[in-house]
């Protein structure tokens, strides 16, 4: 693939470039899933007539 980084050092750098943002995103997603599991309000979508 043309956009792939060719050397191992470059690939390692790219993995860590957004590590803090990735951790934050994963934590927020986990919190959201915990809320759903614990009975958070789920908004219903109206049924559309076919």
N, C-alpha and C. Protein backbone atom coordinates (compact mmCIF):
# COMPACT_ATOMS: atom_id res chain seq x y z
N UNK A 1 0.83 -1.17 0.00
CA UNK A 1 0.00 0.00 0.00
C UNK A 1 0.89 1.25 0.00
N UNK A 2 0.48 2.20 -0.74
CA UNK A 2 1.30 3.40 -0.92
C UNK A 2 1.39 4.23 0.35
N UNK A 3 0.37 4.17 1.21
CA UNK A 3 0.39 5.00 2.41
C UNK A 3 1.05 4.33 3.61
N UNK A 4 1.50 3.08 3.45
CA UNK A 4 2.14 2.36 4.56
C UNK A 4 3.53 2.90 4.83
N UNK A 5 3.90 2.92 6.12
CA UNK A 5 5.24 3.35 6.52
C UNK A 5 6.17 2.16 6.35
N UNK A 6 7.28 2.37 5.67
CA UNK A 6 8.15 1.26 5.32
C UNK A 6 9.03 0.73 6.42
N UNK A 7 9.51 1.56 7.34
CA UNK A 7 10.46 1.06 8.34
C UNK A 7 9.79 0.84 9.69
N UNK A 8 10.40 -0.02 10.51
CA UNK A 8 9.82 -0.39 11.81
C UNK A 8 9.75 0.80 12.75
N UNK A 9 10.75 1.67 12.71
CA UNK A 9 10.75 2.83 13.59
C UNK A 9 9.59 3.77 13.25
N UNK A 10 9.34 3.96 11.98
CA UNK A 10 8.23 4.81 11.56
C UNK A 10 6.89 4.23 11.96
N UNK A 11 6.74 2.91 11.86
CA UNK A 11 5.48 2.28 12.27
C UNK A 11 5.27 2.42 13.77
N UNK A 12 6.34 2.24 14.56
CA UNK A 12 6.23 2.39 16.02
C UNK A 12 5.86 3.82 16.38
N UNK A 13 6.42 4.80 15.71
CA UNK A 13 6.10 6.20 15.97
C UNK A 13 4.63 6.47 15.68
N UNK A 14 4.13 5.97 14.57
CA UNK A 14 2.74 6.21 14.19
C UNK A 14 1.78 5.60 15.20
N UNK A 15 2.14 4.47 15.80
CA UNK A 15 1.27 3.83 16.78
C UNK A 15 1.12 4.69 18.03
N UNK A 16 2.18 5.41 18.39
CA UNK A 16 2.14 6.17 19.63
C UNK A 16 1.77 7.64 19.42
N UNK A 17 1.65 8.06 18.19
CA UNK A 17 1.41 9.48 17.91
C UNK A 17 0.13 9.98 18.56
N UNK A 18 -0.91 9.21 18.54
CA UNK A 18 -2.21 9.64 19.09
C UNK A 18 -2.62 8.78 20.28
N UNK A 19 -1.66 8.27 21.03
CA UNK A 19 -1.94 7.35 22.11
C UNK A 19 -2.83 7.97 23.18
N UNK A 20 -2.56 9.20 23.59
CA UNK A 20 -3.38 9.85 24.62
C UNK A 20 -4.82 10.02 24.15
N UNK A 21 -5.01 10.43 22.90
CA UNK A 21 -6.36 10.60 22.37
C UNK A 21 -7.07 9.25 22.27
N UNK A 22 -6.33 8.22 21.90
CA UNK A 22 -6.93 6.88 21.79
C UNK A 22 -7.37 6.38 23.16
N UNK A 23 -6.53 6.60 24.18
CA UNK A 23 -6.90 6.18 25.55
C UNK A 23 -8.16 6.90 26.00
N UNK A 24 -8.24 8.19 25.74
CA UNK A 24 -9.41 8.97 26.13
C UNK A 24 -10.66 8.46 25.42
N UNK A 25 -10.54 8.20 24.13
CA UNK A 25 -11.67 7.72 23.35
C UNK A 25 -12.13 6.35 23.86
N UNK A 26 -11.19 5.46 24.16
CA UNK A 26 -11.54 4.12 24.64
C UNK A 26 -12.20 4.22 26.01
N UNK A 27 -11.71 5.10 26.88
CA UNK A 27 -12.31 5.28 28.20
C UNK A 27 -13.74 5.80 28.09
N UNK A 28 -13.96 6.77 27.20
CA UNK A 28 -15.32 7.31 27.01
C UNK A 28 -16.25 6.25 26.45
N UNK A 29 -15.77 5.43 25.53
CA UNK A 29 -16.59 4.36 24.96
C UNK A 29 -16.94 3.34 26.05
N UNK A 30 -15.98 2.98 26.88
CA UNK A 30 -16.23 2.03 27.97
C UNK A 30 -17.26 2.60 28.95
N UNK A 31 -17.14 3.89 29.28
CA UNK A 31 -18.11 4.53 30.17
C UNK A 31 -19.52 4.49 29.57
N UNK A 32 -19.60 4.75 28.27
CA UNK A 32 -20.90 4.71 27.58
C UNK A 32 -21.50 3.31 27.64
N UNK A 33 -20.69 2.29 27.37
CA UNK A 33 -21.19 0.92 27.42
C UNK A 33 -21.62 0.53 28.83
N UNK A 34 -20.87 0.99 29.84
CA UNK A 34 -21.27 0.73 31.23
C UNK A 34 -22.61 1.36 31.54
N UNK A 35 -22.84 2.57 31.07
CA UNK A 35 -24.13 3.23 31.29
C UNK A 35 -25.27 2.44 30.65
N UNK A 36 -25.06 1.96 29.44
CA UNK A 36 -26.10 1.16 28.79
C UNK A 36 -26.37 -0.12 29.55
N UNK A 37 -25.32 -0.77 30.01
CA UNK A 37 -25.48 -2.02 30.74
C UNK A 37 -26.21 -1.79 32.06
N UNK A 38 -25.99 -0.65 32.67
CA UNK A 38 -26.58 -0.36 33.98
C UNK A 38 -27.94 0.30 33.89
N UNK A 39 -28.51 0.38 32.68
CA UNK A 39 -29.87 0.87 32.55
C UNK A 39 -30.00 2.33 32.17
N UNK A 40 -29.09 2.84 31.41
CA UNK A 40 -29.20 4.22 30.96
C UNK A 40 -30.43 4.39 30.08
N UNK A 41 -30.92 5.61 30.02
CA UNK A 41 -32.08 5.89 29.18
C UNK A 41 -31.69 5.72 27.71
N UNK A 42 -32.43 4.90 27.00
CA UNK A 42 -32.21 4.69 25.58
C UNK A 42 -33.37 5.35 24.85
N UNK A 43 -33.07 6.26 23.97
CA UNK A 43 -34.11 6.99 23.26
C UNK A 43 -34.69 6.14 22.14
N UNK A 44 -36.00 5.98 22.13
CA UNK A 44 -36.63 5.18 21.08
C UNK A 44 -36.70 5.96 19.77
N UNK A 45 -36.58 5.26 18.69
CA UNK A 45 -36.75 5.85 17.36
C UNK A 45 -38.17 5.55 16.91
N UNK A 46 -38.85 6.53 16.34
CA UNK A 46 -40.23 6.28 15.88
C UNK A 46 -40.24 5.27 14.74
N UNK A 47 -41.26 4.45 14.73
CA UNK A 47 -41.43 3.48 13.64
C UNK A 47 -41.96 4.20 12.40
N UNK A 48 -41.38 3.89 11.28
CA UNK A 48 -41.85 4.46 10.03
C UNK A 48 -42.77 3.44 9.35
N UNK A 49 -43.89 3.92 8.86
CA UNK A 49 -44.81 3.03 8.16
C UNK A 49 -44.21 2.65 6.82
N UNK A 50 -44.27 1.38 6.51
CA UNK A 50 -43.70 0.91 5.25
C UNK A 50 -44.62 1.12 4.08
